[in-house]
PDB file of all heavy atoms in Angstrom:
ATOM      1  N   LEU A   1     104.207 115.510 105.181  1.00  0.00           N
ATOM      2  CA  LEU A   1     104.997 115.690 106.398  1.00  0.00           C
ATOM      3  C   LEU A   1     105.494 114.337 106.909  1.00  0.00           C
ATOM      4  O   LEU A   1     106.646 114.207 107.352  1.00  0.00           O
ATOM      5  CB  LEU A   1     104.167 116.400 107.463  1.00  0.00           C
ATOM      6  CG  LEU A   1     104.829 116.599 108.831  1.00  0.00           C
ATOM      7  CD1 LEU A   1     106.156 117.347 108.714  1.00  0.00           C
ATOM      8  CD2 LEU A   1     103.883 117.342 109.779  1.00  0.00           C
ATOM      9  N   LYS A   2     104.658 113.316 106.812  1.00  0.00           N
ATOM     10  CA  LYS A   2     105.072 111.977 107.221  1.00  0.00           C
ATOM     11  C   LYS A   2     106.187 111.456 106.314  1.00  0.00           C
ATOM     12  O   LYS A   2     107.161 110.842 106.775  1.00  0.00           O
ATOM     13  CB  LYS A   2     103.869 111.021 107.199  1.00  0.00           C
ATOM     14  CG  LYS A   2     102.757 111.458 108.135  1.00  0.00           C
ATOM     15  CD  LYS A   2     101.541 110.548 108.039  1.00  0.00           C
ATOM     16  CE  LYS A   2     100.405 111.065 108.915  1.00  0.00           C
ATOM     17  NZ  LYS A   2      99.223 110.207 108.881  1.00  0.00           N
ATOM     18  N   GLN A   3     106.059 111.732 105.021  1.00  0.00           N
ATOM     19  CA  GLN A   3     107.109 111.321 104.089  1.00  0.00           C
ATOM     20  C   GLN A   3     108.410 112.062 104.376  1.00  0.00           C
ATOM     21  O   GLN A   3     109.503 111.485 104.274  1.00  0.00           O
ATOM     22  CB  GLN A   3     106.661 111.581 102.646  1.00  0.00           C
ATOM     23  CG  GLN A   3     105.487 110.737 102.177  1.00  0.00           C
ATOM     24  CD  GLN A   3     105.854 109.278 101.940  1.00  0.00           C
ATOM     25  OE1 GLN A   3     107.011 108.873 102.103  1.00  0.00           O
ATOM     26  NE2 GLN A   3     104.872 108.481 101.543  1.00  0.00           N
ATOM     27  N   ALA A   4     108.298 113.329 104.751  1.00  0.00           N
ATOM     28  CA  ALA A   4     109.490 114.106 105.081  1.00  0.00           C
ATOM     29  C   ALA A   4     110.165 113.560 106.335  1.00  0.00           C
ATOM     30  O   ALA A   4     111.404 113.536 106.429  1.00  0.00           O
ATOM     31  CB  ALA A   4     109.126 115.576 105.270  1.00  0.00           C
ATOM     32  N   ARG A   5     109.372 113.114 107.297  1.00  0.00           N
ATOM     33  CA  ARG A   5     109.963 112.490 108.494  1.00  0.00           C
ATOM     34  C   ARG A   5     110.695 111.205 108.123  1.00  0.00           C
ATOM     35  O   ARG A   5     111.815 110.944 108.596  1.00  0.00           O
ATOM     36  CB  ARG A   5     108.874 112.187 109.523  1.00  0.00           C
ATOM     37  CG  ARG A   5     108.198 113.405 110.125  1.00  0.00           C
ATOM     38  CD  ARG A   5     107.298 112.973 111.267  1.00  0.00           C
ATOM     39  NE  ARG A   5     106.442 114.048 111.771  1.00  0.00           N
ATOM     40  CZ  ARG A   5     105.120 114.020 111.754  1.00  0.00           C
ATOM     41  NH1 ARG A   5     104.487 112.965 111.232  1.00  0.00           N
ATOM     42  NH2 ARG A   5     104.416 115.016 112.244  1.00  0.00           N
ATOM     43  N   LEU A   6     110.060 110.394 107.277  1.00  0.00           N
ATOM     44  CA  LEU A   6     110.709 109.150 106.852  1.00  0.00           C
ATOM     45  C   LEU A   6     112.006 109.432 106.101  1.00  0.00           C
ATOM     46  O   LEU A   6     112.970 108.664 106.209  1.00  0.00           O
ATOM     47  CB  LEU A   6     109.761 108.326 105.973  1.00  0.00           C
ATOM     48  CG  LEU A   6     108.580 107.667 106.689  1.00  0.00           C
ATOM     49  CD1 LEU A   6     107.689 106.947 105.682  1.00  0.00           C
ATOM     50  CD2 LEU A   6     109.076 106.678 107.753  1.00  0.00           C
ATOM     51  N   ALA A   7     112.036 110.528 105.359  1.00  0.00           N
ATOM     52  CA  ALA A   7     113.266 110.902 104.660  1.00  0.00           C
ATOM     53  C   ALA A   7     114.394 111.181 105.648  1.00  0.00           C
ATOM     54  O   ALA A   7     115.571 110.927 105.356  1.00  0.00           O
ATOM     55  CB  ALA A   7     113.024 112.116 103.768  1.00  0.00           C
ATOM     56  N   GLN A   8     114.040 111.702 106.829  1.00  0.00           N
ATOM     57  CA  GLN A   8     115.044 111.937 107.865  1.00  0.00           C
ATOM     58  C   GLN A   8     115.604 110.626 108.411  1.00  0.00           C
ATOM     59  O   GLN A   8     116.724 110.584 108.909  1.00  0.00           O
ATOM     60  CB  GLN A   8     114.422 112.736 109.021  1.00  0.00           C
ATOM     61  CG  GLN A   8     113.946 114.120 108.657  1.00  0.00           C
ATOM     62  CD  GLN A   8     115.084 115.045 108.292  1.00  0.00           C
ATOM     63  OE1 GLN A   8     116.050 115.201 109.043  1.00  0.00           O
ATOM     64  NE2 GLN A   8     114.993 115.661 107.123  1.00  0.00           N
ATOM     65  N   LEU A   9     114.816 109.573 108.321  1.00  0.00           N
ATOM     66  CA  LEU A   9     115.222 108.266 108.863  1.00  0.00           C
ATOM     67  C   LEU A   9     115.880 107.369 107.821  1.00  0.00           C
ATOM     68  O   LEU A   9     116.492 106.352 108.171  1.00  0.00           O
ATOM     69  CB  LEU A   9     114.001 107.539 109.431  1.00  0.00           C
ATOM     70  CG  LEU A   9     113.188 108.274 110.507  1.00  0.00           C
ATOM     71  CD1 LEU A   9     111.961 107.453 110.890  1.00  0.00           C
ATOM     72  CD2 LEU A   9     114.040 108.552 111.736  1.00  0.00           C
ATOM     73  N   ALA A  10     115.764 107.749 106.560  1.00  0.00           N
ATOM     74  CA  ALA A  10     116.154 106.853 105.466  1.00  0.00           C
ATOM     75  C   ALA A  10     117.614 106.443 105.513  1.00  0.00           C
ATOM     76  O   ALA A  10     117.973 105.341 105.106  1.00  0.00           O
ATOM     77  CB  ALA A  10     115.832 107.503 104.117  1.00  0.00           C
ATOM     78  N   GLY A  11     118.485 107.305 105.997  1.00  0.00           N
ATOM     79  CA  GLY A  11     119.913 106.990 105.978  1.00  0.00           C
ATOM     80  C   GLY A  11     120.411 106.239 107.192  1.00  0.00           C
ATOM     81  O   GLY A  11     121.621 105.957 107.295  1.00  0.00           O
ATOM     82  N   LEU A  12     119.525 105.904 108.116  1.00  0.00           N
ATOM     83  CA  LEU A  12     119.951 105.223 109.343  1.00  0.00           C
ATOM     84  C   LEU A  12     120.247 103.758 109.048  1.00  0.00           C
ATOM     85  O   LEU A  12     119.404 103.028 108.531  1.00  0.00           O
ATOM     86  CB  LEU A  12     118.870 105.342 110.417  1.00  0.00           C
ATOM     87  CG  LEU A  12     118.475 106.774 110.815  1.00  0.00           C
ATOM     88  CD1 LEU A  12     117.376 106.752 111.866  1.00  0.00           C
ATOM     89  CD2 LEU A  12     119.684 107.542 111.329  1.00  0.00           C
ATOM     90  N   ALA A  13     121.437 103.327 109.420  1.00  0.00           N
ATOM     91  CA  ALA A  13     121.926 101.998 109.005  1.00  0.00           C
ATOM     92  C   ALA A  13     121.117 100.855 109.591  1.00  0.00           C
ATOM     93  O   ALA A  13     120.952  99.814 108.947  1.00  0.00           O
ATOM     94  CB  ALA A  13     123.398 101.856 109.393  1.00  0.00           C
ATOM     95  N   THR A  14     120.599 101.006 110.804  1.00  0.00           N
ATOM     96  CA  THR A  14     119.900  99.888 111.452  1.00  0.00           C
ATOM     97  C   THR A  14     118.402 100.133 111.544  1.00  0.00           C
ATOM     98  O   THR A  14     117.732  99.657 112.463  1.00  0.00           O
ATOM     99  CB  THR A  14     120.477  99.626 112.854  1.00  0.00           C
ATOM    100  OG1 THR A  14     120.324 100.809 113.660  1.00  0.00           O
ATOM    101  CG2 THR A  14     121.940  99.248 112.771  1.00  0.00           C
ATOM    102  N   PHE A  15     117.871 100.882 110.573  1.00  0.00           N
ATOM    103  CA  PHE A  15     116.432 101.130 110.527  1.00  0.00           C
ATOM    104  C   PHE A  15     115.863 100.688 109.189  1.00  0.00           C
ATOM    105  O   PHE A  15     116.457 100.913 108.141  1.00  0.00           O
ATOM    106  CB  PHE A  15     116.131 102.624 110.709  1.00  0.00           C
ATOM    107  CG  PHE A  15     114.679 102.970 110.470  1.00  0.00           C
ATOM    108  CD1 PHE A  15     113.700 102.589 111.365  1.00  0.00           C
ATOM    109  CD2 PHE A  15     114.293 103.675 109.330  1.00  0.00           C
ATOM    110  CE1 PHE A  15     112.355 102.897 111.142  1.00  0.00           C
ATOM    111  CE2 PHE A  15     112.959 103.999 109.095  1.00  0.00           C
ATOM    112  CZ  PHE A  15     111.988 103.603 110.008  1.00  0.00           C
ATOM    113  N   ARG A  16     114.707 100.048 109.258  1.00  0.00           N
ATOM    114  CA  ARG A  16     114.000  99.647 108.043  1.00  0.00           C
ATOM    115  C   ARG A  16     112.525  99.959 108.215  1.00  0.00           C
ATOM    116  O   ARG A  16     111.948  99.714 109.272  1.00  0.00           O
ATOM    117  CB  ARG A  16     114.208  98.151 107.786  1.00  0.00           C
ATOM    118  CG  ARG A  16     113.512  97.625 106.525  1.00  0.00           C
ATOM    119  CD  ARG A  16     113.996  96.208 106.208  1.00  0.00           C
ATOM    120  NE  ARG A  16     113.809  95.307 107.323  1.00  0.00           N
ATOM    121  CZ  ARG A  16     112.656  94.717 107.637  1.00  0.00           C
ATOM    122  NH1 ARG A  16     111.577  94.960 106.922  1.00  0.00           N
ATOM    123  NH2 ARG A  16     112.578  93.883 108.661  1.00  0.00           N
ATOM    124  N   PHE A  17     111.911 100.491 107.151  1.00  0.00           N
ATOM    125  CA  PHE A  17     110.502 100.878 107.208  1.00  0.00           C
ATOM    126  C   PHE A  17     109.653  99.969 106.332  1.00  0.00           C
ATOM    127  O   PHE A  17     110.055  99.599 105.235  1.00  0.00           O
ATOM    128  CB  PHE A  17     110.319 102.329 106.749  1.00  0.00           C
ATOM    129  CG  PHE A  17     108.876 102.747 106.692  1.00  0.00           C
ATOM    130  CD1 PHE A  17     108.181 103.034 107.854  1.00  0.00           C
ATOM    131  CD2 PHE A  17     108.208 102.843 105.466  1.00  0.00           C
ATOM    132  CE1 PHE A  17     106.832 103.409 107.811  1.00  0.00           C
ATOM    133  CE2 PHE A  17     106.872 103.219 105.412  1.00  0.00           C
ATOM    134  CZ  PHE A  17     106.184 103.501 106.593  1.00  0.00           C
ATOM    135  N   GLU A  18     108.471  99.623 106.839  1.00  0.00           N
ATOM    136  CA  GLU A  18     107.469  98.919 106.046  1.00  0.00           C
ATOM    137  C   GLU A  18     106.134  99.638 106.190  1.00  0.00           C
ATOM    138  O   GLU A  18     105.746 100.005 107.303  1.00  0.00           O
ATOM    139  CB  GLU A  18     107.298  97.467 106.519  1.00  0.00           C
ATOM    140  CG  GLU A  18     108.458  96.555 106.211  1.00  0.00           C
ATOM    141  CD  GLU A  18     108.115  95.091 106.446  1.00  0.00           C
ATOM    142  OE1 GLU A  18     106.903  94.755 106.407  1.00  0.00           O
ATOM    143  OE2 GLU A  18     109.044  94.306 106.665  1.00  0.00           O
ATOM    144  N   ARG A  19     105.457  99.833 105.070  1.00  0.00           N
ATOM    145  CA  ARG A  19     104.113 100.416 105.145  1.00  0.00           C
ATOM    146  C   ARG A  19     103.148  99.310 105.530  1.00  0.00           C
ATOM    147  O   ARG A  19     102.976  98.321 104.786  1.00  0.00           O
ATOM    148  CB  ARG A  19     103.719 101.049 103.808  1.00  0.00           C
ATOM    149  CG  ARG A  19     102.374 101.746 103.878  1.00  0.00           C
ATOM    150  CD  ARG A  19     102.131 102.648 102.691  1.00  0.00           C
ATOM    151  NE  ARG A  19     100.875 103.377 102.830  1.00  0.00           N
ATOM    152  CZ  ARG A  19     100.488 104.369 102.023  1.00  0.00           C
ATOM    153  NH1 ARG A  19     101.275 104.739 101.013  1.00  0.00           N
ATOM    154  NH2 ARG A  19      99.337 104.976 102.226  1.00  0.00           N
ATOM    155  N   LEU A  20     102.519  99.459 106.681  1.00  0.00           N
ATOM    156  CA  LEU A  20     101.643  98.412 107.205  1.00  0.00           C
ATOM    157  C   LEU A  20     100.638  99.053 108.152  1.00  0.00           C
ATOM    158  O   LEU A  20     100.987  99.913 108.964  1.00  0.00           O
ATOM    159  CB  LEU A  20     102.474  97.348 107.934  1.00  0.00           C
ATOM    160  CG  LEU A  20     101.803  96.037 108.332  1.00  0.00           C
ATOM    161  CD1 LEU A  20     102.820  94.908 108.401  1.00  0.00           C
ATOM    162  CD2 LEU A  20     101.119  96.170 109.695  1.00  0.00           C
ATOM    163  N   ASP A  21      99.400  98.627 108.057  1.00  0.00           N
ATOM    164  CA  ASP A  21      98.334  99.126 108.915  1.00  0.00           C
ATOM    165  C   ASP A  21      98.104  98.120 110.037  1.00  0.00           C
ATOM    166  O   ASP A  21      97.870  96.930 109.773  1.00  0.00           O
ATOM    167  CB  ASP A  21      97.055  99.316 108.089  1.00  0.00           C
ATOM    168  CG  ASP A  21      95.993 100.117 108.820  1.00  0.00           C
ATOM    169  OD1 ASP A  21      95.932 100.051 110.066  1.00  0.00           O
ATOM    170  OD2 ASP A  21      95.214 100.813 108.144  1.00  0.00           O
ATOM    171  N   ILE A  22      98.134  98.569 111.284  1.00  0.00           N
ATOM    172  CA  ILE A  22      97.953  97.649 112.411  1.00  0.00           C
ATOM    173  C   ILE A  22      96.557  97.048 112.444  1.00  0.00           C
ATOM    174  O   ILE A  22      96.325  96.052 113.144  1.00  0.00           O
ATOM    175  CB  ILE A  22      98.259  98.339 113.755  1.00  0.00           C
ATOM    176  CG1 ILE A  22      97.354  99.567 113.964  1.00  0.00           C
ATOM    177  CG2 ILE A  22      99.724  98.715 113.857  1.00  0.00           C
ATOM    178  CD1 ILE A  22      97.431 100.155 115.356  1.00  0.00           C
ATOM    179  N   VAL A  23      95.618  97.613 111.702  1.00  0.00           N
ATOM    180  CA  VAL A  23      94.278  97.026 111.618  1.00  0.00           C
ATOM    181  C   VAL A  23      94.314  95.710 110.843  1.00  0.00           C
ATOM    182  O   VAL A  23      93.448  94.848 111.016  1.00  0.00           O
ATOM    183  CB  VAL A  23      93.296  98.028 110.975  1.00  0.00           C
ATOM    184  CG1 VAL A  23      91.929  97.409 110.759  1.00  0.00           C
ATOM    185  CG2 VAL A  23      93.169  99.266 111.869  1.00  0.00           C
ATOM    186  N   ASP A  24      95.335  95.525 110.014  1.00  0.00           N
ATOM    187  CA  ASP A  24      95.523  94.280 109.256  1.00  0.00           C
ATOM    188  C   ASP A  24      96.238  93.274 110.146  1.00  0.00           C
ATOM    189  O   ASP A  24      97.465  93.187 110.176  1.00  0.00           O
ATOM    190  CB  ASP A  24      96.337  94.561 107.987  1.00  0.00           C
ATOM    191  CG  ASP A  24      96.445  93.352 107.066  1.00  0.00           C
ATOM    192  OD1 ASP A  24      96.179  92.221 107.524  1.00  0.00           O
ATOM    193  OD2 ASP A  24      96.809  93.543 105.895  1.00  0.00           O
ATOM    194  N   GLY A  25      95.450  92.516 110.902  1.00  0.00           N
ATOM    195  CA  GLY A  25      96.017  91.591 111.875  1.00  0.00           C
ATOM    196  C   GLY A  25      96.899  90.520 111.266  1.00  0.00           C
ATOM    197  O   GLY A  25      97.925  90.146 111.841  1.00  0.00           O
ATOM    198  N   ALA A  26      96.520  90.006 110.102  1.00  0.00           N
ATOM    199  CA  ALA A  26      97.307  88.950 109.464  1.00  0.00           C
ATOM    200  C   ALA A  26      98.687  89.464 109.057  1.00  0.00           C
ATOM    201  O   ALA A  26      99.706  88.784 109.252  1.00  0.00           O
ATOM    202  CB  ALA A  26      96.560  88.404 108.251  1.00  0.00           C
ATOM    203  N   ALA A  27      98.729  90.667 108.481  1.00  0.00           N
ATOM    204  CA  ALA A  27     100.010  91.237 108.066  1.00  0.00           C
ATOM    205  C   ALA A  27     100.883  91.533 109.279  1.00  0.00           C
ATOM    206  O   ALA A  27     102.106  91.327 109.250  1.00  0.00           O
ATOM    207  CB  ALA A  27      99.777  92.504 107.255  1.00  0.00           C
ATOM    208  N   LEU A  28     100.276  92.005 110.364  1.00  0.00           N
ATOM    209  CA  LEU A  28     101.038  92.308 111.569  1.00  0.00           C
ATOM    210  C   LEU A  28     101.592  91.030 112.189  1.00  0.00           C
ATOM    211  O   LEU A  28     102.764  90.972 112.599  1.00  0.00           O
ATOM    212  CB  LEU A  28     100.144  93.039 112.573  1.00  0.00           C
ATOM    213  CG  LEU A  28     100.834  93.621 113.800  1.00  0.00           C
ATOM    214  CD1 LEU A  28     101.796  94.743 113.412  1.00  0.00           C
ATOM    215  CD2 LEU A  28      99.799  94.143 114.801  1.00  0.00           C
ATOM    216  N   ASP A  29     100.782  89.981 112.231  1.00  0.00           N
ATOM    217  CA  ASP A  29     101.242  88.705 112.774  1.00  0.00           C
ATOM    218  C   ASP A  29     102.393  88.143 111.950  1.00  0.00           C
ATOM    219  O   ASP A  29     103.374  87.621 112.514  1.00  0.00           O
ATOM    220  CB  ASP A  29     100.080  87.711 112.807  1.00  0.00           C
ATOM    221  CG  ASP A  29     100.464  86.405 113.464  1.00  0.00           C
ATOM    222  OD1 ASP A  29     100.495  86.367 114.705  1.00  0.00           O
ATOM    223  OD2 ASP A  29     100.749  85.433 112.727  1.00  0.00           O
ATOM    224  N   ALA A  30     102.303  88.263 110.634  1.00  0.00           N
ATOM    225  CA  ALA A  30     103.377  87.768 109.771  1.00  0.00           C
ATOM    226  C   ALA A  30     104.667  88.538 110.018  1.00  0.00           C
ATOM    227  O   ALA A  30     105.769  87.959 109.999  1.00  0.00           O
ATOM    228  CB  ALA A  30     102.956  87.886 108.303  1.00  0.00           C
ATOM    229  N   LEU A  31     104.544  89.848 110.241  1.00  0.00           N
ATOM    230  CA  LEU A  31     105.728  90.662 110.543  1.00  0.00           C
ATOM    231  C   LEU A  31     106.385  90.196 111.835  1.00  0.00           C
ATOM    232  O   LEU A  31     107.613  90.018 111.895  1.00  0.00           O
ATOM    233  CB  LEU A  31     105.327  92.135 110.653  1.00  0.00           C
ATOM    234  CG  LEU A  31     106.453  93.109 111.018  1.00  0.00           C
ATOM    235  CD1 LEU A  31     107.401  93.302 109.839  1.00  0.00           C
ATOM    236  CD2 LEU A  31     105.876  94.455 111.463  1.00  0.00           C
ATOM    237  N   PHE A  32     105.603  89.972 112.884  1.00  0.00           N
ATOM    238  CA  PHE A  32     106.138  89.504 114.156  1.00  0.00           C
ATOM    239  C   PHE A  32     106.799  88.137 113.998  1.00  0.00           C
ATOM    240  O   PHE A  32     107.870  87.880 114.558  1.00  0.00           O
ATOM    241  CB  PHE A  32     105.028  89.430 115.203  1.00  0.00           C
ATOM    242  CG  PHE A  32     104.826  90.684 115.990  1.00  0.00           C
ATOM    243  CD1 PHE A  32     104.225  91.799 115.416  1.00  0.00           C
ATOM    244  CD2 PHE A  32     105.220  90.768 117.314  1.00  0.00           C
ATOM    245  CE1 PHE A  32     104.020  92.960 116.142  1.00  0.00           C
ATOM    246  CE2 PHE A  32     105.025  91.931 118.056  1.00  0.00           C
ATOM    247  CZ  PHE A  32     104.419  93.027 117.468  1.00  0.00           C
ATOM    248  N   ALA A  33     106.156  87.253 113.247  1.00  0.00           N
ATOM    249  CA  ALA A  33     106.703  85.906 113.056  1.00  0.00           C
ATOM    250  C   ALA A  33     108.044  85.956 112.330  1.00  0.00           C
ATOM    251  O   ALA A  33     108.975  85.199 112.659  1.00  0.00           O
ATOM    252  CB  ALA A  33     105.708  85.054 112.266  1.00  0.00           C
ATOM    253  N   ARG A  34     108.145  86.842 111.371  1.00  0.00           N
ATOM    254  CA  ARG A  34     109.370  86.948 110.567  1.00  0.00           C
ATOM    255  C   ARG A  34     110.507  87.627 111.335  1.00  0.00           C
ATOM    256  O   ARG A  34     111.655  87.204 111.250  1.00  0.00           O
ATOM    257  CB  ARG A  34     109.051  87.726 109.290  1.00  0.00           C
ATOM    258  CG  ARG A  34     110.232  87.856 108.329  1.00  0.00           C
ATOM    259  CD  ARG A  34     109.776  88.448 107.009  1.00  0.00           C
ATOM    260  NE  ARG A  34     109.399  89.858 107.115  1.00  0.00           N
ATOM    261  CZ  ARG A  34     108.165  90.322 107.004  1.00  0.00           C
ATOM    262  NH1 ARG A  34     107.152  89.483 106.797  1.00  0.00           N
ATOM    263  NH2 ARG A  34     107.902  91.607 107.112  1.00  0.00           N
ATOM    264  N   GLU A  35     110.184  88.667 112.090  1.00  0.00           N
ATOM    265  CA  GLU A  35     111.231  89.505 112.676  1.00  0.00           C
ATOM    266  C   GLU A  35     111.655  89.088 114.078  1.00  0.00           C
ATOM    267  O   GLU A  35     112.780  89.369 114.487  1.00  0.00           O
ATOM    268  CB  GLU A  35     110.765  90.966 112.700  1.00  0.00           C
ATOM    269  CG  GLU A  35     110.471  91.551 111.327  1.00  0.00           C
ATOM    270  CD  GLU A  35     111.712  91.710 110.474  1.00  0.00           C
ATOM    271  OE1 GLU A  35     112.830  91.691 111.023  1.00  0.00           O
ATOM    272  OE2 GLU A  35     111.565  91.866 109.240  1.00  0.00           O
ATOM    273  N   GLN A  36     110.757  88.456 114.837  1.00  0.00           N
ATOM    274  CA  GLN A  36     111.079  88.029 116.202  1.00  0.00           C
ATOM    275  C   GLN A  36     111.631  89.186 117.041  1.00  0.00           C
ATOM    276  O   GLN A  36     112.781  89.196 117.495  1.00  0.00           O
ATOM    277  CB  GLN A  36     112.076  86.860 116.172  1.00  0.00           C
ATOM    278  CG  GLN A  36     111.554  85.609 115.503  1.00  0.00           C
ATOM    279  CD  GLN A  36     110.376  84.995 116.265  1.00  0.00           C
ATOM    280  OE1 GLN A  36     110.468  84.695 117.450  1.00  0.00           O
ATOM    281  NE2 GLN A  36     109.248  84.833 115.569  1.00  0.00           N
ATOM    282  N   PHE A  37     110.792  90.175 117.262  1.00  0.00           N
ATOM    283  CA  PHE A  37     111.197  91.374 117.993  1.00  0.00           C
ATOM    284  C   PHE A  37     111.491  91.069 119.458  1.00  0.00           C
ATOM    285  O   PHE A  37     110.846  90.217 120.075  1.00  0.00           O
ATOM    286  CB  PHE A  37     110.086  92.431 117.926  1.00  0.00           C
ATOM    287  CG  PHE A  37     109.783  92.893 116.530  1.00  0.00           C
ATOM    288  CD1 PHE A  37     108.568  92.563 115.924  1.00  0.00           C
ATOM    289  CD2 PHE A  37     110.706  93.643 115.817  1.00  0.00           C
ATOM    290  CE1 PHE A  37     108.286  92.994 114.636  1.00  0.00           C
ATOM    291  CE2 PHE A  37     110.427  94.066 114.525  1.00  0.00           C
ATOM    292  CZ  PHE A  37     109.222  93.746 113.933  1.00  0.00           C
ATOM    293  N   ASP A  38     112.438  91.811 120.012  1.00  0.00           N
ATOM    294  CA  ASP A  38     112.694  91.739 121.449  1.00  0.00           C
ATOM    295  C   ASP A  38     111.689  92.597 122.211  1.00  0.00           C
ATOM    296  O   ASP A  38     111.147  92.175 123.222  1.00  0.00           O
ATOM    297  CB  ASP A  38     114.119  92.224 121.770  1.00  0.00           C
ATOM    298  CG  ASP A  38     115.181  91.336 121.144  1.00  0.00           C
ATOM    299  OD1 ASP A  38     115.104  90.108 121.326  1.00  0.00           O
ATOM    300  OD2 ASP A  38     116.079  91.871 120.462  1.00  0.00           O
ATOM    301  N   ARG A  39     111.472  93.818 121.704  1.00  0.00           N
ATOM    302  CA  ARG A  39     110.580  94.749 122.395  1.00  0.00           C
ATOM    303  C   ARG A  39     109.792  95.557 121.375  1.00  0.00           C
ATOM    304  O   ARG A  39     110.190  95.655 120.218  1.00  0.00           O
ATOM    305  CB  ARG A  39     111.368  95.657 123.341  1.00  0.00           C
ATOM    306  CG  ARG A  39     112.109  94.825 124.393  1.00  0.00           C
ATOM    307  CD  ARG A  39     112.820  95.602 125.463  1.00  0.00           C
ATOM    308  NE  ARG A  39     113.571  94.656 126.293  1.00  0.00           N
ATOM    309  CZ  ARG A  39     114.239  94.953 127.395  1.00  0.00           C
ATOM    310  NH1 ARG A  39     114.253  96.216 127.812  1.00  0.00           N
ATOM    311  NH2 ARG A  39     114.887  94.028 128.064  1.00  0.00           N
ATOM    312  N   VAL A  40     108.692  96.159 121.836  1.00  0.00           N
ATOM    313  CA  VAL A  40     107.795  96.896 120.949  1.00  0.00           C
ATOM    314  C   VAL A  40     107.475  98.252 121.571  1.00  0.00           C
ATOM    315  O   VAL A  40     107.155  98.329 122.772  1.00  0.00           O
ATOM    316  CB  VAL A  40     106.487  96.118 120.715  1.00  0.00           C
ATOM    317  CG1 VAL A  40     105.500  96.941 119.886  1.00  0.00           C
ATOM    318  CG2 VAL A  40     106.766  94.777 120.042  1.00  0.00           C
ATOM    319  N   VAL A  41     107.560  99.300 120.751  1.00  0.00           N
ATOM    320  CA  VAL A  41     107.064 100.627 121.136  1.00  0.00           C
ATOM    321  C   VAL A  41     105.870 100.915 120.230  1.00  0.00           C
ATOM    322  O   VAL A  41     106.040 101.141 119.027  1.00  0.00           O
ATOM    323  CB  VAL A  41     108.141 101.721 120.983  1.00  0.00           C
ATOM    324  CG1 VAL A  41     107.568 103.077 121.391  1.00  0.00           C
ATOM    325  CG2 VAL A  41     109.376 101.390 121.812  1.00  0.00           C
ATOM    326  N   HIS A  42     104.684 100.899 120.807  1.00  0.00           N
ATOM    327  CA  HIS A  42     103.460 101.047 120.022  1.00  0.00           C
ATOM    328  C   HIS A  42     102.953 102.488 120.117  1.00  0.00           C
ATOM    329  O   HIS A  42     102.413 102.904 121.152  1.00  0.00           O
ATOM    330  CB  HIS A  42     102.390 100.082 120.519  1.00  0.00           C
ATOM    331  CG  HIS A  42     101.074 100.258 119.839  1.00  0.00           C
ATOM    332  ND1 HIS A  42     100.917 100.188 118.473  1.00  0.00           N
ATOM    333  CD2 HIS A  42      99.839 100.536 120.344  1.00  0.00           C
ATOM    334  CE1 HIS A  42      99.655 100.398 118.154  1.00  0.00           C
ATOM    335  NE2 HIS A  42      98.982 100.619 119.283  1.00  0.00           N
ATOM    336  N   LEU A  43     103.132 103.243 119.035  1.00  0.00           N
ATOM    337  CA  LEU A  43     102.724 104.646 118.983  1.00  0.00           C
ATOM    338  C   LEU A  43     101.650 104.902 117.937  1.00  0.00           C
ATOM    339  O   LEU A  43     101.077 105.991 117.899  1.00  0.00           O
ATOM    340  CB  LEU A  43     103.944 105.527 118.681  1.00  0.00           C
ATOM    341  CG  LEU A  43     105.108 105.416 119.673  1.00  0.00           C
ATOM    342  CD1 LEU A  43     106.316 106.172 119.161  1.00  0.00           C
ATOM    343  CD2 LEU A  43     104.695 105.935 121.053  1.00  0.00           C
ATOM    344  N   ALA A  44     101.382 103.929 117.063  1.00  0.00           N
ATOM    345  CA  ALA A  44     100.379 104.104 116.011  1.00  0.00           C
ATOM    346  C   ALA A  44      98.992 104.218 116.636  1.00  0.00           C
ATOM    347  O   ALA A  44      98.614 103.422 117.493  1.00  0.00           O
ATOM    348  CB  ALA A  44     100.423 102.930 115.046  1.00  0.00           C
TER     349      ALA A  44
END
């Protein structure tokens, strides 16, 4: 069902998905450092 939801998002031009677990602090920090987000919606 999660994969089916992602399939609904796959064609969106300004959306990109990465498989990442928020428990992995180092990977999450690297993502923030690379992307420089303006805002965050935390639903996980």
